[in-house]
Amino acid sequence: MKPEDIQLTDIMRILQGQVPWSFLFEVVIRIVFLYLLLVVSMRLMGRRMASMLNRNEMAALVSLAAAIGVPMLAPDRGLLPALLIATVVVLTQRGIAQWARRNKSFERISQDDVSIIVEDGRLQHSAMLETLLSRERLFAELRFAGLDHLGKVKRAYMESNGSFTVLKQPEPQPGLTLLPGWDEEYISEQPKAPDTYACCNCGHVRHSRGHDPNTACDHCGEKRWTQAVV
């Protein structure tokens, strides 16, 4: 369209575009066809497509979305290319899934592996750096799991699809609080463990009388401590 053809008062152009009214009925047919194509394709790719997706499944879903987007509204685009793209995506995804099921090395390469983020109440900073996981995001996930300090965490795993699995300590130990620092009122209500301190960086706990705040953490080397909570 030429710039002079675009007028804000041209209501019919805004509503109808440059296609005849008959194309609106065709749009209904296109949408129904592409909707059914998407549903069938996701069904053929397995139940995982209805849950949290891994990288390969997300790529397949985005590819399907890109395939159906254009022919849904473009009158000069046919439906067969979308059908062909969906077929290729489904076959590729099913092939990758079957190969990953038979070959553990390929599964690890294509879908990544599980990472231990918290081990016995201590943050594993190397794993957090590798997975690009921030401390705030991790603490939010642990709070969502109903935990208020690291001493209650036996293991926290970041799964290959980005979800979190938290295993609690059978008997909670003193640990670093998971509450945000600005919530001082709630933090003050948490019971403190006597003569027990948690590293503010990794959550490592040390027991000592007459605590020296300049002592380096045995786990990460930091010198910032706070009293552990129970």
C-alpha atoms as a PDB file:
ATOM      1  CA  MET A   1       0.000   0.000   0.000  1.00  0.00           C
ATOM      2  CA  LYS A   2       1.047   3.574  -0.667  1.00  0.00           C
ATOM      3  CA  PRO A   3       1.316   5.905   2.362  1.00  0.00           C
ATOM      4  CA  GLU A   4      -1.483   8.095   1.023  1.00  0.00           C
ATOM      5  CA  ASP A   5      -3.801   5.057   0.979  1.00  0.00           C
ATOM      6  CA  ILE A   6      -3.621   4.701   4.760  1.00  0.00           C
ATOM      7  CA  GLN A   7      -6.314   6.813   6.398  1.00  0.00           C
ATOM      8  CA  LEU A   8      -7.481   6.480  10.023  1.00  0.00           C
ATOM      9  CA  THR A   9     -11.023   7.209   8.913  1.00  0.00           C
ATOM     10  CA  ASP A  10     -11.067   4.275   6.478  1.00  0.00           C
ATOM     11  CA  ILE A  11     -13.006   1.930   8.779  1.00  0.00           C
ATOM     12  CA  MET A  12     -13.674  -0.676   6.098  1.00  0.00           C
ATOM     13  CA  ARG A  13      -9.948  -1.030   5.330  1.00  0.00           C
ATOM     14  CA  ILE A  14      -9.179  -1.394   9.040  1.00  0.00           C
ATOM     15  CA  LEU A  15     -11.858  -4.053   9.548  1.00  0.00           C
ATOM     16  CA  GLN A  16     -11.762  -5.900   6.232  1.00  0.00           C
ATOM     17  CA  GLY A  17      -8.275  -5.216   4.898  1.00  0.00           C
ATOM     18  CA  GLN A  18      -7.780  -5.676   1.161  1.00  0.00           C
ATOM     19  CA  VAL A  19      -9.582  -8.983   0.794  1.00  0.00           C
ATOM     20  CA  PRO A  20     -13.185  -9.599  -0.280  1.00  0.00           C
ATOM     21  CA  TRP A  21     -15.817 -10.472   2.305  1.00  0.00           C
ATOM     22  CA  SER A  22     -15.872 -14.034   0.999  1.00  0.00           C
ATOM     23  CA  PHE A  23     -12.345 -14.548   2.355  1.00  0.00           C
ATOM     24  CA  LEU A  24     -13.676 -14.189   5.910  1.00  0.00           C
ATOM     25  CA  PHE A  25     -15.578 -17.456   5.437  1.00  0.00           C
ATOM     26  CA  GLU A  26     -12.387 -19.010   4.073  1.00  0.00           C
ATOM     27  CA  VAL A  27     -10.547 -17.825   7.195  1.00  0.00           C
ATOM     28  CA  VAL A  28     -12.939 -19.892   9.326  1.00  0.00           C
ATOM     29  CA  ILE A  29     -12.101 -23.002   7.255  1.00  0.00           C
ATOM     30  CA  ARG A  30      -8.372 -22.253   7.479  1.00  0.00           C
ATOM     31  CA  ILE A  31      -8.466 -21.755  11.247  1.00  0.00           C
ATOM     32  CA  VAL A  32     -10.422 -24.969  11.839  1.00  0.00           C
ATOM     33  CA  PHE A  33      -8.027 -26.923   9.621  1.00  0.00           C
ATOM     34  CA  LEU A  34      -4.882 -25.476  11.235  1.00  0.00           C
ATOM     35  CA  TYR A  35      -6.306 -25.876  14.726  1.00  0.00           C
ATOM     36  CA  LEU A  36      -6.985 -29.556  14.100  1.00  0.00           C
ATOM     37  CA  LEU A  37      -3.548 -29.899  12.493  1.00  0.00           C
ATOM     38  CA  LEU A  38      -1.902 -28.427  15.619  1.00  0.00           C
ATOM     39  CA  VAL A  39      -3.901 -30.665  17.975  1.00  0.00           C
ATOM     40  CA  VAL A  40      -3.128 -33.807  15.961  1.00  0.00           C
ATOM     41  CA  SER A  41       0.554 -32.882  15.674  1.00  0.00           C
ATOM     42  CA  MET A  42       0.896 -32.340  19.434  1.00  0.00           C
ATOM     43  CA  ARG A  43      -0.951 -35.599  20.046  1.00  0.00           C
ATOM     44  CA  LEU A  44       1.465 -37.480  17.785  1.00  0.00           C
ATOM     45  CA  MET A  45       4.459 -35.942  19.578  1.00  0.00           C
ATOM     46  CA  GLY A  46       3.343 -37.415  22.906  1.00  0.00           C
ATOM     47  CA  ARG A  47       1.897 -36.344  26.250  1.00  0.00           C
ATOM     48  CA  ARG A  48       5.007 -34.328  27.097  1.00  0.00           C
ATOM     49  CA  MET A  49       3.779 -31.610  24.725  1.00  0.00           C
ATOM     50  CA  ALA A  50       0.959 -30.874  27.163  1.00  0.00           C
ATOM     51  CA  SER A  51       3.336 -30.345  30.102  1.00  0.00           C
ATOM     52  CA  MET A  52       6.436 -28.264  30.737  1.00  0.00           C
ATOM     53  CA  LEU A  53       8.592 -28.571  27.630  1.00  0.00           C
ATOM     54  CA  ASN A  54      12.277 -29.230  27.159  1.00  0.00           C
ATOM     55  CA  ARG A  55      14.367 -27.470  24.494  1.00  0.00           C
ATOM     56  CA  ASN A  56      13.531 -29.853  21.652  1.00  0.00           C
ATOM     57  CA  GLU A  57       9.819 -29.829  22.399  1.00  0.00           C
ATOM     58  CA  MET A  58       9.774 -26.045  22.663  1.00  0.00           C
ATOM     59  CA  ALA A  59      11.550 -25.771  19.303  1.00  0.00           C
ATOM     60  CA  ALA A  60       8.987 -28.132  17.762  1.00  0.00           C
ATOM     61  CA  LEU A  61       6.079 -26.138  19.174  1.00  0.00           C
ATOM     62  CA  VAL A  62       7.511 -22.819  17.955  1.00  0.00           C
ATOM     63  CA  SER A  63       8.065 -24.350  14.505  1.00  0.00           C
ATOM     64  CA  LEU A  64       4.438 -25.466  14.378  1.00  0.00           C
ATOM     65  CA  ALA A  65       3.254 -22.019  15.454  1.00  0.00           C
ATOM     66  CA  ALA A  66       5.356 -20.379  12.740  1.00  0.00           C
ATOM     67  CA  ALA A  67       4.029 -22.819  10.148  1.00  0.00           C
ATOM     68  CA  ILE A  68       0.361 -22.129  10.821  1.00  0.00           C
ATOM     69  CA  GLY A  69       0.618 -18.383  11.408  1.00  0.00           C
ATOM     70  CA  VAL A  70       0.974 -17.169   7.826  1.00  0.00           C
ATOM     71  CA  PRO A  71      -1.546 -19.380   5.979  1.00  0.00           C
ATOM     72  CA  MET A  72      -4.141 -18.628   8.654  1.00  0.00           C
ATOM     73  CA  LEU A  73      -4.691 -15.085   7.350  1.00  0.00           C
ATOM     74  CA  ALA A  74      -2.808 -14.793   4.044  1.00  0.00           C
ATOM     75  CA  PRO A  75      -5.141 -15.521   1.097  1.00  0.00           C
ATOM     76  CA  ASP A  76      -2.182 -16.105  -1.247  1.00  0.00           C
ATOM     77  CA  ARG A  77      -0.757 -18.914   0.921  1.00  0.00           C
ATOM     78  CA  GLY A  78      -2.064 -22.452   0.687  1.00  0.00           C
ATOM     79  CA  LEU A  79      -2.554 -24.997   3.451  1.00  0.00           C
ATOM     80  CA  LEU A  80      -0.354 -27.752   2.011  1.00  0.00           C
ATOM     81  CA  PRO A  81       2.955 -26.072   3.033  1.00  0.00           C
ATOM     82  CA  ALA A  82       1.719 -25.883   6.627  1.00  0.00           C
ATOM     83  CA  LEU A  83       0.744 -29.556   6.472  1.00  0.00           C
ATOM     84  CA  LEU A  84       4.183 -30.454   5.082  1.00  0.00           C
ATOM     85  CA  ILE A  85       5.994 -28.436   7.790  1.00  0.00           C
ATOM     86  CA  ALA A  86       3.898 -30.030  10.529  1.00  0.00           C
ATOM     87  CA  THR A  87       4.678 -33.503   9.154  1.00  0.00           C
ATOM     88  CA  VAL A  88       8.421 -32.799   9.150  1.00  0.00           C
ATOM     89  CA  VAL A  89       8.299 -31.353  12.669  1.00  0.00           C
ATOM     90  CA  VAL A  90       6.338 -34.332  14.034  1.00  0.00           C
ATOM     91  CA  LEU A  91       8.625 -36.909  12.406  1.00  0.00           C
ATOM     92  CA  THR A  92      11.756 -35.061  13.557  1.00  0.00           C
ATOM     93  CA  GLN A  93      10.516 -34.720  17.120  1.00  0.00           C
ATOM     94  CA  ARG A  94       9.473 -38.371  17.322  1.00  0.00           C
ATOM     95  CA  GLY A  95      12.816 -39.443  15.859  1.00  0.00           C
ATOM     96  CA  ILE A  96      14.770 -37.366  18.391  1.00  0.00           C
ATOM     97  CA  ALA A  97      12.659 -38.713  21.255  1.00  0.00           C
ATOM     98  CA  GLN A  98      13.213 -42.341  20.205  1.00  0.00           C
ATOM     99  CA  TRP A  99      16.939 -41.841  19.681  1.00  0.00           C
ATOM    100  CA  ALA A 100      17.277 -40.118  23.069  1.00  0.00           C
ATOM    101  CA  ARG A 101      15.440 -43.018  24.717  1.00  0.00           C
ATOM    102  CA  ARG A 102      17.943 -45.507  23.286  1.00  0.00           C
ATOM    103  CA  ASN A 103      21.113 -43.432  23.655  1.00  0.00           C
ATOM    104  CA  LYS A 104      21.797 -41.796  27.028  1.00  0.00           C
ATOM    105  CA  SER A 105      24.690 -39.730  25.667  1.00  0.00           C
ATOM    106  CA  PHE A 106      22.496 -38.260  22.922  1.00  0.00           C
ATOM    107  CA  GLU A 107      19.748 -37.617  25.478  1.00  0.00           C
ATOM    108  CA  ARG A 108      22.198 -35.677  27.652  1.00  0.00           C
ATOM    109  CA  ILE A 109      23.450 -33.664  24.680  1.00  0.00           C
ATOM    110  CA  SER A 110      20.038 -32.873  23.186  1.00  0.00           C
ATOM    111  CA  GLN A 111      18.017 -32.371  26.367  1.00  0.00           C
ATOM    112  CA  ASP A 112      20.704 -31.430  28.938  1.00  0.00           C
ATOM    113  CA  ASP A 113      21.049 -33.092  32.333  1.00  0.00           C
ATOM    114  CA  VAL A 114      19.826 -32.685  35.897  1.00  0.00           C
ATOM    115  CA  SER A 115      21.829 -30.275  38.084  1.00  0.00           C
ATOM    116  CA  ILE A 116      22.129 -30.296  41.880  1.00  0.00           C
ATOM    117  CA  ILE A 117      21.449 -26.719  42.968  1.00  0.00           C
ATOM    118  CA  VAL A 118      21.272 -27.250  46.742  1.00  0.00           C
ATOM    119  CA  GLU A 119      23.090 -30.044  48.558  1.00  0.00           C
ATOM    120  CA  ASP A 120      22.583 -30.588  52.303  1.00  0.00           C
ATOM    121  CA  GLY A 121      21.486 -26.995  52.849  1.00  0.00           C
ATOM    122  CA  ARG A 122      24.321 -25.426  50.819  1.00  0.00           C
ATOM    123  CA  LEU A 123      24.033 -23.598  47.518  1.00  0.00           C
ATOM    124  CA  GLN A 124      26.071 -25.063  44.689  1.00  0.00           C
ATOM    125  CA  HIS A 125      27.260 -21.908  42.955  1.00  0.00           C
ATOM    126  CA  SER A 126      29.058 -23.732  40.144  1.00  0.00           C
ATOM    127  CA  ALA A 127      25.815 -25.459  39.132  1.00  0.00           C
ATOM    128  CA  MET A 128      23.874 -22.210  39.463  1.00  0.00           C
ATOM    129  CA  LEU A 129      26.385 -20.468  37.199  1.00  0.00           C
ATOM    130  CA  GLU A 130      26.211 -23.281  34.647  1.00  0.00           C
ATOM    131  CA  THR A 131      22.410 -23.177  34.535  1.00  0.00           C
ATOM    132  CA  LEU A 132      22.253 -19.345  34.655  1.00  0.00           C
ATOM    133  CA  LEU A 133      20.091 -19.577  37.768  1.00  0.00           C
ATOM    134  CA  SER A 134      19.917 -16.521  40.004  1.00  0.00           C
ATOM    135  CA  ARG A 135      19.834 -16.712  43.781  1.00  0.00           C
ATOM    136  CA  GLU A 136      16.522 -14.808  43.870  1.00  0.00           C
ATOM    137  CA  ARG A 137      14.850 -17.245  41.460  1.00  0.00           C
ATOM    138  CA  LEU A 138      16.069 -20.251  43.456  1.00  0.00           C
ATOM    139  CA  PHE A 139      14.924 -18.813  46.778  1.00  0.00           C
ATOM    140  CA  ALA A 140      11.528 -18.020  45.241  1.00  0.00           C
ATOM    141  CA  GLU A 141      11.162 -21.642  44.083  1.00  0.00           C
ATOM    142  CA  LEU A 142      12.104 -22.954  47.533  1.00  0.00           C
ATOM    143  CA  ARG A 143       9.643 -20.601  49.230  1.00  0.00           C
ATOM    144  CA  PHE A 144       6.991 -21.789  46.756  1.00  0.00           C
ATOM    145  CA  ALA A 145       7.737 -25.322  47.999  1.00  0.00           C
ATOM    146  CA  GLY A 146       6.827 -24.169  51.521  1.00  0.00           C
ATOM    147  CA  LEU A 147      10.371 -23.804  52.887  1.00  0.00           C
ATOM    148  CA  ASP A 148      11.685 -20.882  54.905  1.00  0.00           C
ATOM    149  CA  HIS A 149      15.367 -21.779  55.311  1.00  0.00           C
ATOM    150  CA  LEU A 150      18.027 -23.892  53.595  1.00  0.00           C
ATOM    151  CA  GLY A 151      18.437 -26.245  56.547  1.00  0.00           C
ATOM    152  CA  LYS A 152      15.210 -27.954  55.476  1.00  0.00           C
ATOM    153  CA  VAL A 153      16.595 -28.830  52.027  1.00  0.00           C
ATOM    154  CA  LYS A 154      18.345 -32.174  51.477  1.00  0.00           C
ATOM    155  CA  ARG A 155      18.569 -31.773  47.711  1.00  0.00           C
ATOM    156  CA  ALA A 156      17.213 -29.301  45.187  1.00  0.00           C
ATOM    157  CA  TYR A 157      17.491 -30.369  41.554  1.00  0.00           C
ATOM    158  CA  MET A 158      17.039 -28.277  38.455  1.00  0.00           C
ATOM    159  CA  GLU A 159      15.587 -30.658  35.890  1.00  0.00           C
ATOM    160  CA  SER A 160      16.525 -30.630  32.217  1.00  0.00           C
ATOM    161  CA  ASN A 161      13.258 -28.866  31.327  1.00  0.00           C
ATOM    162  CA  GLY A 162      13.904 -26.039  33.819  1.00  0.00           C
ATOM    163  CA  SER A 163      11.552 -27.234  36.554  1.00  0.00           C
ATOM    164  CA  PHE A 164      12.647 -27.780  40.162  1.00  0.00           C
ATOM    165  CA  THR A 165      12.486 -30.838  42.385  1.00  0.00           C
ATOM    166  CA  VAL A 166      13.019 -30.315  46.120  1.00  0.00           C
ATOM    167  CA  LEU A 167      13.739 -33.137  48.581  1.00  0.00           C
ATOM    168  CA  LYS A 168      13.387 -32.132  52.218  1.00  0.00           C
ATOM    169  CA  GLN A 169      15.643 -33.094  55.084  1.00  0.00           C
ATOM    170  CA  PRO A 170      14.141 -35.907  57.210  1.00  0.00           C
ATOM    171  CA  GLU A 171      15.194 -33.871  60.249  1.00  0.00           C
ATOM    172  CA  PRO A 172      15.586 -30.143  59.465  1.00  0.00           C
ATOM    173  CA  GLN A 173      18.937 -28.599  60.375  1.00  0.00           C
ATOM    174  CA  PRO A 174      19.769 -24.952  61.112  1.00  0.00           C
ATOM    175  CA  GLY A 175      20.227 -23.000  57.910  1.00  0.00           C
ATOM    176  CA  LEU A 176      20.241 -19.727  56.023  1.00  0.00           C
ATOM    177  CA  THR A 177      16.888 -17.972  55.891  1.00  0.00           C
ATOM    178  CA  LEU A 178      15.101 -17.933  52.527  1.00  0.00           C
ATOM    179  CA  LEU A 179      13.060 -14.843  53.333  1.00  0.00           C
ATOM    180  CA  PRO A 180      13.759 -11.623  51.412  1.00  0.00           C
ATOM    181  CA  GLY A 181      15.972  -9.214  53.338  1.00  0.00           C
ATOM    182  CA  TRP A 182      13.388  -6.435  53.377  1.00  0.00           C
ATOM    183  CA  ASP A 183      10.924  -8.602  55.339  1.00  0.00           C
ATOM    184  CA  GLU A 184      12.729  -7.861  58.599  1.00  0.00           C
ATOM    185  CA  GLU A 185       9.641  -8.353  60.758  1.00  0.00           C
ATOM    186  CA  TYR A 186       9.118 -11.944  59.613  1.00  0.00           C
ATOM    187  CA  ILE A 187      12.850 -12.697  59.755  1.00  0.00           C
ATOM    188  CA  SER A 188      12.937 -11.530  63.368  1.00  0.00           C
ATOM    189  CA  GLU A 189      10.179 -14.023  64.188  1.00  0.00           C
ATOM    190  CA  GLN A 190      12.214 -16.988  62.913  1.00  0.00           C
ATOM    191  CA  PRO A 191      13.783 -18.900  65.846  1.00  0.00           C
ATOM    192  CA  LYS A 192      17.566 -18.652  65.859  1.00  0.00           C
ATOM    193  CA  ALA A 193      19.940 -21.545  66.572  1.00  0.00           C
ATOM    194  CA  PRO A 194      22.291 -20.646  69.456  1.00  0.00           C
ATOM    195  CA  ASP A 195      25.999 -20.394  68.567  1.00  0.00           C
ATOM    196  CA  THR A 196      25.207 -21.395  64.980  1.00  0.00           C
ATOM    197  CA  TYR A 197      25.907 -19.223  61.940  1.00  0.00           C
ATOM    198  CA  ALA A 198      25.138 -19.530  58.226  1.00  0.00           C
ATOM    199  CA  CYS A 199      27.242 -18.159  55.391  1.00  0.00           C
ATOM    200  CA  CYS A 200      25.273 -15.416  53.631  1.00  0.00           C
ATOM    201  CA  ASN A 201      26.713 -16.497  50.275  1.00  0.00           C
ATOM    202  CA  CYS A 202      26.232 -20.273  50.180  1.00  0.00           C
ATOM    203  CA  GLY A 203      24.362 -21.225  53.374  1.00  0.00           C
ATOM    204  CA  HIS A 204      27.180 -23.327  54.866  1.00  0.00           C
ATOM    205  CA  VAL A 205      26.581 -23.650  58.628  1.00  0.00           C
ATOM    206  CA  ARG A 206      29.248 -23.538  61.324  1.00  0.00           C
ATOM    207  CA  HIS A 207      28.849 -23.999  65.067  1.00  0.00           C
ATOM    208  CA  SER A 208      31.070 -21.921  67.336  1.00  0.00           C
ATOM    209  CA  ARG A 209      31.077 -19.929  70.537  1.00  0.00           C
ATOM    210  CA  GLY A 210      32.324 -16.391  70.277  1.00  0.00           C
ATOM    211  CA  HIS A 211      31.835 -16.325  66.523  1.00  0.00           C
ATOM    212  CA  ASP A 212      34.430 -14.349  64.556  1.00  0.00           C
ATOM    213  CA  PRO A 213      32.618 -12.633  61.634  1.00  0.00           C
ATOM    214  CA  ASN A 214      35.892 -12.404  59.679  1.00  0.00           C
ATOM    215  CA  THR A 215      36.256 -16.184  59.458  1.00  0.00           C
ATOM    216  CA  ALA A 216      36.247 -17.422  55.860  1.00  0.00           C
ATOM    217  CA  CYS A 217      33.570 -19.939  54.886  1.00  0.00           C
ATOM    218  CA  ASP A 218      34.935 -23.455  54.424  1.00  0.00           C
ATOM    219  CA  HIS A 219      32.674 -23.963  51.409  1.00  0.00           C
ATOM    220  CA  CYS A 220      32.919 -20.730  49.383  1.00  0.00           C
ATOM    221  CA  GLY A 221      35.501 -18.546  51.142  1.00  0.00           C
ATOM    222  CA  GLU A 222      33.129 -15.664  51.867  1.00  0.00           C
ATOM    223  CA  LYS A 223      33.240 -13.813  55.195  1.00  0.00           C
ATOM    224  CA  ARG A 224      29.629 -12.682  55.533  1.00  0.00           C
ATOM    225  CA  TRP A 225      27.676 -14.567  58.201  1.00  0.00           C
ATOM    226  CA  THR A 226      24.273 -14.411  59.802  1.00  0.00           C
ATOM    227  CA  GLN A 227      22.755 -16.356  62.637  1.00  0.00           C
ATOM    228  CA  ALA A 228      21.221 -19.595  61.388  1.00  0.00           C
ATOM    229  CA  VAL A 229      17.502 -20.184  61.839  1.00  0.00           C
ATOM    230  CA  VAL A 230      15.626 -23.355  62.679  1.00  0.00           C
END
